[in-house]
PDB file of N, CA and C in Angstrom:
ATOM      1  N   MET A   1     102.955 190.451 124.297  1.00  0.00           N
ATOM      2  CA  MET A   1     103.904 190.654 125.365  1.00  0.00           C
ATOM      3  C   MET A   1     104.504 192.045 125.227  1.00  0.00           C
ATOM      4  N   ASN A   2     104.626 192.698 126.318  1.00  0.00           N
ATOM      5  CA  ASN A   2     105.158 194.052 126.340  1.00  0.00           C
ATOM      6  C   ASN A   2     106.627 194.040 125.919  1.00  0.00           C
ATOM      7  N   ILE A   3     107.040 195.010 125.129  1.00  0.00           N
ATOM      8  CA  ILE A   3     108.417 195.080 124.632  1.00  0.00           C
ATOM      9  C   ILE A   3     109.412 195.222 125.778  1.00  0.00           C
ATOM     10  N   ILE A   4     109.028 195.879 126.850  1.00  0.00           N
ATOM     11  CA  ILE A   4     109.920 196.042 128.001  1.00  0.00           C
ATOM     12  C   ILE A   4     110.199 194.688 128.642  1.00  0.00           C
ATOM     13  N   ILE A   5     109.192 193.874 128.763  1.00  0.00           N
ATOM     14  CA  ILE A   5     109.373 192.542 129.340  1.00  0.00           C
ATOM     15  C   ILE A   5     110.284 191.708 128.458  1.00  0.00           C
ATOM     16  N   VAL A   6     110.129 191.814 127.161  1.00  0.00           N
ATOM     17  CA  VAL A   6     110.980 191.074 126.227  1.00  0.00           C
ATOM     18  C   VAL A   6     112.443 191.478 126.416  1.00  0.00           C
ATOM     19  N   VAL A   7     112.693 192.760 126.542  1.00  0.00           N
ATOM     20  CA  VAL A   7     114.059 193.250 126.737  1.00  0.00           C
ATOM     21  C   VAL A   7     114.626 192.734 128.054  1.00  0.00           C
ATOM     22  N   ILE A   8     113.820 192.732 129.095  1.00  0.00           N
ATOM     23  CA  ILE A   8     114.275 192.252 130.396  1.00  0.00           C
ATOM     24  C   ILE A   8     114.576 190.756 130.345  1.00  0.00           C
ATOM     25  N   VAL A   9     113.745 189.988 129.668  1.00  0.00           N
ATOM     26  CA  VAL A   9     113.998 188.546 129.526  1.00  0.00           C
ATOM     27  C   VAL A   9     115.289 188.313 128.743  1.00  0.00           C
ATOM     28  N   ILE A  10     115.537 189.119 127.734  1.00  0.00           N
ATOM     29  CA  ILE A  10     116.787 189.003 126.974  1.00  0.00           C
ATOM     30  C   ILE A  10     117.984 189.316 127.873  1.00  0.00           C
ATOM     31  N   MET A  11     117.837 190.290 128.749  1.00  0.00           N
ATOM     32  CA  MET A  11     118.914 190.603 129.694  1.00  0.00           C
ATOM     33  C   MET A  11     119.209 189.403 130.587  1.00  0.00           C
ATOM     34  N   MET A  12     118.168 188.753 131.076  1.00  0.00           N
ATOM     35  CA  MET A  12     118.342 187.565 131.914  1.00  0.00           C
ATOM     36  C   MET A  12     118.997 186.448 131.103  1.00  0.00           C
ATOM     37  N   TYR A  13     118.563 186.273 129.876  1.00  0.00           N
ATOM     38  CA  TYR A  13     119.133 185.260 128.980  1.00  0.00           C
ATOM     39  C   TYR A  13     120.631 185.484 128.805  1.00  0.00           C
ATOM     40  N   LEU A  14     121.024 186.718 128.533  1.00  0.00           N
ATOM     41  CA  LEU A  14     122.433 187.028 128.327  1.00  0.00           C
ATOM     42  C   LEU A  14     123.250 186.816 129.594  1.00  0.00           C
ATOM     43  N   CYS A  15     122.680 187.159 130.729  1.00  0.00           N
ATOM     44  CA  CYS A  15     123.357 186.965 132.009  1.00  0.00           C
ATOM     45  C   CYS A  15     123.628 185.488 132.256  1.00  0.00           C
ATOM     46  N   VAL A  16     122.608 184.656 132.078  1.00  0.00           N
ATOM     47  CA  VAL A  16     122.767 183.217 132.296  1.00  0.00           C
ATOM     48  C   VAL A  16     123.693 182.619 131.239  1.00  0.00           C
ATOM     49  N   GLN A  17     123.599 183.095 130.028  1.00  0.00           N
ATOM     50  CA  GLN A  17     124.459 182.588 128.961  1.00  0.00           C
ATOM     51  C   GLN A  17     125.934 182.863 129.271  1.00  0.00           C
ATOM     52  N   GLN A  18     126.229 184.043 129.765  1.00  0.00           N
ATOM     53  CA  GLN A  18     127.609 184.373 130.141  1.00  0.00           C
ATOM     54  C   GLN A  18     128.103 183.461 131.252  1.00  0.00           C
ATOM     55  N   ARG A  19     127.251 183.202 132.231  1.00  0.00           N
ATOM     56  CA  ARG A  19     127.629 182.312 133.326  1.00  0.00           C
ATOM     57  C   ARG A  19     127.824 180.881 132.827  1.00  0.00           C
ATOM     58  N   LYS A  20     127.015 180.470 131.878  1.00  0.00           N
ATOM     59  CA  LYS A  20     127.144 179.114 131.322  1.00  0.00           C
ATOM     60  C   LYS A  20     128.472 178.970 130.592  1.00  0.00           C
ATOM     61  N   VAL A  21     128.813 179.942 129.778  1.00  0.00           N
ATOM     62  CA  VAL A  21     130.064 179.902 129.022  1.00  0.00           C
ATOM     63  C   VAL A  21     131.267 179.907 129.979  1.00  0.00           C
ATOM     64  N   ALA A  22     131.162 180.674 131.052  1.00  0.00           N
ATOM     65  CA  ALA A  22     132.248 180.761 132.026  1.00  0.00           C
ATOM     66  C   ALA A  22     132.263 179.579 132.993  1.00  0.00           C
ATOM     67  N   GLY A  23     131.242 178.730 132.939  1.00  0.00           N
ATOM     68  CA  GLY A  23     131.162 177.581 133.838  1.00  0.00           C
ATOM     69  C   GLY A  23     130.777 177.953 135.254  1.00  0.00           C
ATOM     70  N   GLU A  24     129.972 178.991 135.400  1.00  0.00           N
ATOM     71  CA  GLU A  24     129.610 179.503 136.717  1.00  0.00           C
ATOM     72  C   GLU A  24     128.136 179.290 137.039  1.00  0.00           C
ATOM     73  N   LEU A  25     127.617 178.103 136.759  1.00  0.00           N
ATOM     74  CA  LEU A  25     126.217 177.824 137.055  1.00  0.00           C
ATOM     75  C   LEU A  25     126.041 176.926 138.267  1.00  0.00           C
ATOM     76  N   ILE A  26     127.034 176.135 138.593  1.00  0.00           N
ATOM     77  CA  ILE A  26     126.909 175.154 139.655  1.00  0.00           C
ATOM     78  C   ILE A  26     127.512 175.709 140.943  1.00  0.00           C
ATOM     79  N   GLY A  27     126.804 175.482 142.036  1.00  0.00           N
ATOM     80  CA  GLY A  27     127.256 175.937 143.344  1.00  0.00           C
ATOM     81  C   GLY A  27     126.190 176.789 143.997  1.00  0.00           C
ATOM     82  N   THR A  28     126.077 176.669 145.290  1.00  0.00           N
ATOM     83  CA  THR A  28     125.007 177.343 146.016  1.00  0.00           C
ATOM     84  C   THR A  28     125.030 178.854 145.811  1.00  0.00           C
ATOM     85  N   GLU A  29     126.183 179.460 145.967  1.00  0.00           N
ATOM     86  CA  GLU A  29     126.263 180.924 145.832  1.00  0.00           C
ATOM     87  C   GLU A  29     125.955 181.376 144.408  1.00  0.00           C
ATOM     88  N   ARG A  30     126.428 180.656 143.444  1.00  0.00           N
ATOM     89  CA  ARG A  30     126.171 181.020 142.049  1.00  0.00           C
ATOM     90  C   ARG A  30     124.698 180.856 141.704  1.00  0.00           C
ATOM     91  N   GLU A  31     124.086 179.812 142.221  1.00  0.00           N
ATOM     92  CA  GLU A  31     122.659 179.603 141.990  1.00  0.00           C
ATOM     93  C   GLU A  31     121.846 180.723 142.637  1.00  0.00           C
ATOM     94  N   LYS A  32     122.231 181.118 143.846  1.00  0.00           N
ATOM     95  CA  LYS A  32     121.531 182.209 144.530  1.00  0.00           C
ATOM     96  C   LYS A  32     121.680 183.516 143.768  1.00  0.00           C
ATOM     97  N   GLU A  33     122.845 183.737 143.163  1.00  0.00           N
ATOM     98  CA  GLU A  33     123.053 184.953 142.372  1.00  0.00           C
ATOM     99  C   GLU A  33     122.120 184.987 141.158  1.00  0.00           C
ATOM    100  N   ILE A  34     121.905 183.844 140.535  1.00  0.00           N
ATOM    101  CA  ILE A  34     120.993 183.783 139.389  1.00  0.00           C
ATOM    102  C   ILE A  34     119.564 184.076 139.833  1.00  0.00           C
ATOM    103  N   VAL A  35     119.172 183.519 140.968  1.00  0.00           N
ATOM    104  CA  VAL A  35     117.830 183.782 141.505  1.00  0.00           C
ATOM    105  C   VAL A  35     117.685 185.267 141.845  1.00  0.00           C
ATOM    106  N   LEU A  36     118.700 185.845 142.466  1.00  0.00           N
ATOM    107  CA  LEU A  36     118.653 187.273 142.806  1.00  0.00           C
ATOM    108  C   LEU A  36     118.560 188.146 141.558  1.00  0.00           C
ATOM    109  N   GLU A  37     119.248 187.742 140.505  1.00  0.00           N
ATOM    110  CA  GLU A  37     119.169 188.488 139.241  1.00  0.00           C
ATOM    111  C   GLU A  37     117.752 188.431 138.672  1.00  0.00           C
ATOM    112  N   ALA A  38     117.130 187.264 138.729  1.00  0.00           N
ATOM    113  CA  ALA A  38     115.749 187.138 138.253  1.00  0.00           C
ATOM    114  C   ALA A  38     114.812 187.994 139.096  1.00  0.00           C
ATOM    115  N   GLU A  39     115.032 188.030 140.393  1.00  0.00           N
ATOM    116  CA  GLU A  39     114.205 188.866 141.267  1.00  0.00           C
ATOM    117  C   GLU A  39     114.446 190.343 141.000  1.00  0.00           C
ATOM    118  N   ARG A  40     115.713 190.705 140.792  1.00  0.00           N
ATOM    119  CA  ARG A  40     116.039 192.111 140.517  1.00  0.00           C
ATOM    120  C   ARG A  40     115.365 192.593 139.239  1.00  0.00           C
ATOM    121  N   LEU A  41     115.356 191.722 138.238  1.00  0.00           N
ATOM    122  CA  LEU A  41     114.722 192.065 136.967  1.00  0.00           C
ATOM    123  C   LEU A  41     113.206 191.870 136.997  1.00  0.00           C
ATOM    124  N   GLU A  42     112.708 191.344 138.116  1.00  0.00           N
ATOM    125  CA  GLU A  42     111.274 191.109 138.315  1.00  0.00           C
ATOM    126  C   GLU A  42     110.683 190.173 137.271  1.00  0.00           C
ATOM    127  N   ILE A  43     111.428 189.116 136.964  1.00  0.00           N
ATOM    128  CA  ILE A  43     110.939 188.107 136.011  1.00  0.00           C
ATOM    129  C   ILE A  43     111.134 186.700 136.584  1.00  0.00           C
ATOM    130  N   ARG A  44     111.002 186.573 137.871  1.00  0.00           N
ATOM    131  CA  ARG A  44     111.223 185.257 138.497  1.00  0.00           C
ATOM    132  C   ARG A  44     110.290 184.205 137.892  1.00  0.00           C
ATOM    133  N   ASP A  45     109.097 184.596 137.493  1.00  0.00           N
ATOM    134  CA  ASP A  45     108.161 183.636 136.908  1.00  0.00           C
ATOM    135  C   ASP A  45     108.589 183.177 135.512  1.00  0.00           C
ATOM    136  N   LYS A  46     109.417 183.947 134.846  1.00  0.00           N
ATOM    137  CA  LYS A  46     109.879 183.587 133.505  1.00  0.00           C
ATOM    138  C   LYS A  46     111.280 182.973 133.512  1.00  0.00           C
ATOM    139  N   ALA A  47     111.959 183.019 134.636  1.00  0.00           N
ATOM    140  CA  ALA A  47     113.334 182.518 134.736  1.00  0.00           C
ATOM    141  C   ALA A  47     113.454 181.031 134.383  1.00  0.00           C
ATOM    142  N   PRO A  48     112.524 180.162 134.808  1.00  0.00           N
ATOM    143  CA  PRO A  48     112.659 178.749 134.411  1.00  0.00           C
ATOM    144  C   PRO A  48     112.655 178.553 132.895  1.00  0.00           C
ATOM    145  N   LEU A  49     111.897 179.365 132.179  1.00  0.00           N
ATOM    146  CA  LEU A  49     111.876 179.262 130.714  1.00  0.00           C
ATOM    147  C   LEU A  49     113.223 179.655 130.115  1.00  0.00           C
ATOM    148  N   VAL A  50     113.819 180.703 130.666  1.00  0.00           N
ATOM    149  CA  VAL A  50     115.130 181.147 130.192  1.00  0.00           C
ATOM    150  C   VAL A  50     116.168 180.061 130.455  1.00  0.00           C
ATOM    151  N   LEU A  51     116.137 179.497 131.652  1.00  0.00           N
ATOM    152  CA  LEU A  51     117.094 178.447 131.997  1.00  0.00           C
ATOM    153  C   LEU A  51     116.911 177.218 131.113  1.00  0.00           C
ATOM    154  N   ALA A  52     115.670 176.823 130.893  1.00  0.00           N
ATOM    155  CA  ALA A  52     115.413 175.653 130.054  1.00  0.00           C
ATOM    156  C   ALA A  52     115.936 175.867 128.634  1.00  0.00           C
ATOM    157  N   GLU A  53     115.746 177.046 128.116  1.00  0.00           N
ATOM    158  CA  GLU A  53     116.218 177.368 126.765  1.00  0.00           C
ATOM    159  C   GLU A  53     117.739 177.230 126.662  1.00  0.00           C
ATOM    160  N   LEU A  54     118.439 177.671 127.699  1.00  0.00           N
ATOM    161  CA  LEU A  54     119.897 177.672 127.660  1.00  0.00           C
ATOM    162  C   LEU A  54     120.542 176.354 128.077  1.00  0.00           C
ATOM    163  N   LEU A  55     119.946 175.656 129.007  1.00  0.00           N
ATOM    164  CA  LEU A  55     120.640 174.533 129.636  1.00  0.00           C
ATOM    165  C   LEU A  55     120.281 173.168 129.067  1.00  0.00           C
ATOM    166  N   TYR A  56     119.182 173.059 128.364  1.00  0.00           N
ATOM    167  CA  TYR A  56     118.748 171.751 127.880  1.00  0.00           C
ATOM    168  C   TYR A  56     118.918 171.623 126.374  1.00  0.00           C
ATOM    169  N   ASP A  57     119.324 170.420 125.970  1.00  0.00           N
ATOM    170  CA  ASP A  57     119.364 170.077 124.558  1.00  0.00           C
ATOM    171  C   ASP A  57     118.891 168.630 124.429  1.00  0.00           C
ATOM    172  N   VAL A  58     119.418 167.867 123.518  1.00  0.00           N
ATOM    173  CA  VAL A  58     118.946 166.497 123.309  1.00  0.00           C
ATOM    174  C   VAL A  58     119.250 165.576 124.493  1.00  0.00           C
ATOM    175  N   ASN A  59     120.183 165.932 125.333  1.00  0.00           N
ATOM    176  CA  ASN A  59     120.544 165.138 126.516  1.00  0.00           C
ATOM    177  C   ASN A  59     119.818 165.646 127.758  1.00  0.00           C
ATOM    178  N   ILE A  60     118.567 165.953 127.626  1.00  0.00           N
ATOM    179  CA  ILE A  60     117.815 166.611 128.683  1.00  0.00           C
ATOM    180  C   ILE A  60     117.755 165.802 129.979  1.00  0.00           C
ATOM    181  N   ILE A  61     117.694 164.493 129.902  1.00  0.00           N
ATOM    182  CA  ILE A  61     117.583 163.674 131.111  1.00  0.00           C
ATOM    183  C   ILE A  61     118.805 163.875 132.007  1.00  0.00           C
ATOM    184  N   ALA A  62     119.983 163.796 131.446  1.00  0.00           N
ATOM    185  CA  ALA A  62     121.206 163.999 132.228  1.00  0.00           C
ATOM    186  C   ALA A  62     121.317 165.443 132.694  1.00  0.00           C
ATOM    187  N   GLN A  63     120.879 166.375 131.874  1.00  0.00           N
ATOM    188  CA  GLN A  63     120.990 167.786 132.224  1.00  0.00           C
ATOM    189  C   GLN A  63     120.018 168.177 133.320  1.00  0.00           C
ATOM    190  N   ILE A  64     118.863 167.548 133.367  1.00  0.00           N
ATOM    191  CA  ILE A  64     117.912 167.821 134.452  1.00  0.00           C
ATOM    192  C   ILE A  64     118.555 167.452 135.781  1.00  0.00           C
ATOM    193  N   LYS A  65     119.190 166.305 135.835  1.00  0.00           N
ATOM    194  CA  LYS A  65     119.848 165.872 137.064  1.00  0.00           C
ATOM    195  C   LYS A  65     120.992 166.824 137.433  1.00  0.00           C
ATOM    196  N   HIS A  66     121.715 167.282 136.438  1.00  0.00           N
ATOM    197  CA  HIS A  66     122.873 168.146 136.669  1.00  0.00           C
ATOM    198  C   HIS A  66     122.465 169.530 137.188  1.00  0.00           C
ATOM    199  N   HIS A  67     121.371 170.069 136.685  1.00  0.00           N
ATOM    200  CA  HIS A  67     120.943 171.429 137.040  1.00  0.00           C
ATOM    201  C   HIS A  67     119.737 171.444 137.986  1.00  0.00           C
ATOM    202  N   ARG A  68     119.485 170.342 138.646  1.00  0.00           N
ATOM    203  CA  ARG A  68     118.314 170.201 139.514  1.00  0.00           C
ATOM    204  C   ARG A  68     118.244 171.284 140.582  1.00  0.00           C
ATOM    205  N   ASN A  69     119.332 171.512 141.299  1.00  0.00           N
ATOM    206  CA  ASN A  69     119.314 172.493 142.395  1.00  0.00           C
ATOM    207  C   ASN A  69     119.013 173.901 141.899  1.00  0.00           C
ATOM    208  N   LEU A  70     119.574 174.267 140.771  1.00  0.00           N
ATOM    209  CA  LEU A  70     119.323 175.594 140.209  1.00  0.00           C
ATOM    210  C   LEU A  70     117.837 175.751 139.886  1.00  0.00           C
ATOM    211  N   PHE A  71     117.254 174.767 139.238  1.00  0.00           N
ATOM    212  CA  PHE A  71     115.838 174.859 138.899  1.00  0.00           C
ATOM    213  C   PHE A  71     114.959 174.866 140.148  1.00  0.00           C
ATOM    214  N   CYS A  72     115.335 174.082 141.152  1.00  0.00           N
ATOM    215  CA  CYS A  72     114.553 174.083 142.403  1.00  0.00           C
ATOM    216  C   CYS A  72     114.579 175.468 143.044  1.00  0.00           C
ATOM    217  N   ARG A  73     115.727 176.111 143.041  1.00  0.00           N
ATOM    218  CA  ARG A  73     115.832 177.461 143.639  1.00  0.00           C
ATOM    219  C   ARG A  73     114.991 178.476 142.857  1.00  0.00           C
ATOM    220  N   VAL A  74     115.034 178.378 141.551  1.00  0.00           N
ATOM    221  CA  VAL A  74     114.314 179.363 140.720  1.00  0.00           C
ATOM    222  C   VAL A  74     112.811 179.138 140.798  1.00  0.00           C
ATOM    223  N   CYS A  75     112.383 177.907 140.877  1.00  0.00           N
ATOM    224  CA  CYS A  75     110.953 177.594 140.819  1.00  0.00           C
ATOM    225  C   CYS A  75     110.242 177.735 142.168  1.00  0.00           C
ATOM    226  N   VAL A  76     110.965 177.785 143.250  1.00  0.00           N
ATOM    227  CA  VAL A  76     110.313 177.856 144.569  1.00  0.00           C
ATOM    228  C   VAL A  76     110.160 179.289 145.004  1.00  0.00           C
TER     229      VAL A  76
END
C-alpha cells in the first residue's frame, strides 16, 4: 500500500474519531459530512473499513443497528 494512501486513511480515522468522541456521528447532516470528507480525501472505498474499526466492538449487533444509516451512506 502506498504511504500516501496510508496517511490519508489515518486522516480519515482521526476525523471520524474526533466526531465519535464529540458525539457527532448521528444525524443526516453529520453523516453527509463524513461522506463528503471521504470523497474529499478520495478514499470512499476505504471509508467503511475506517468506520468499522472505530464504531464496532464486542456489541457489534447493537452497533450495526445504531450506525446503519451512516454505513448505508458511505457504502452507496
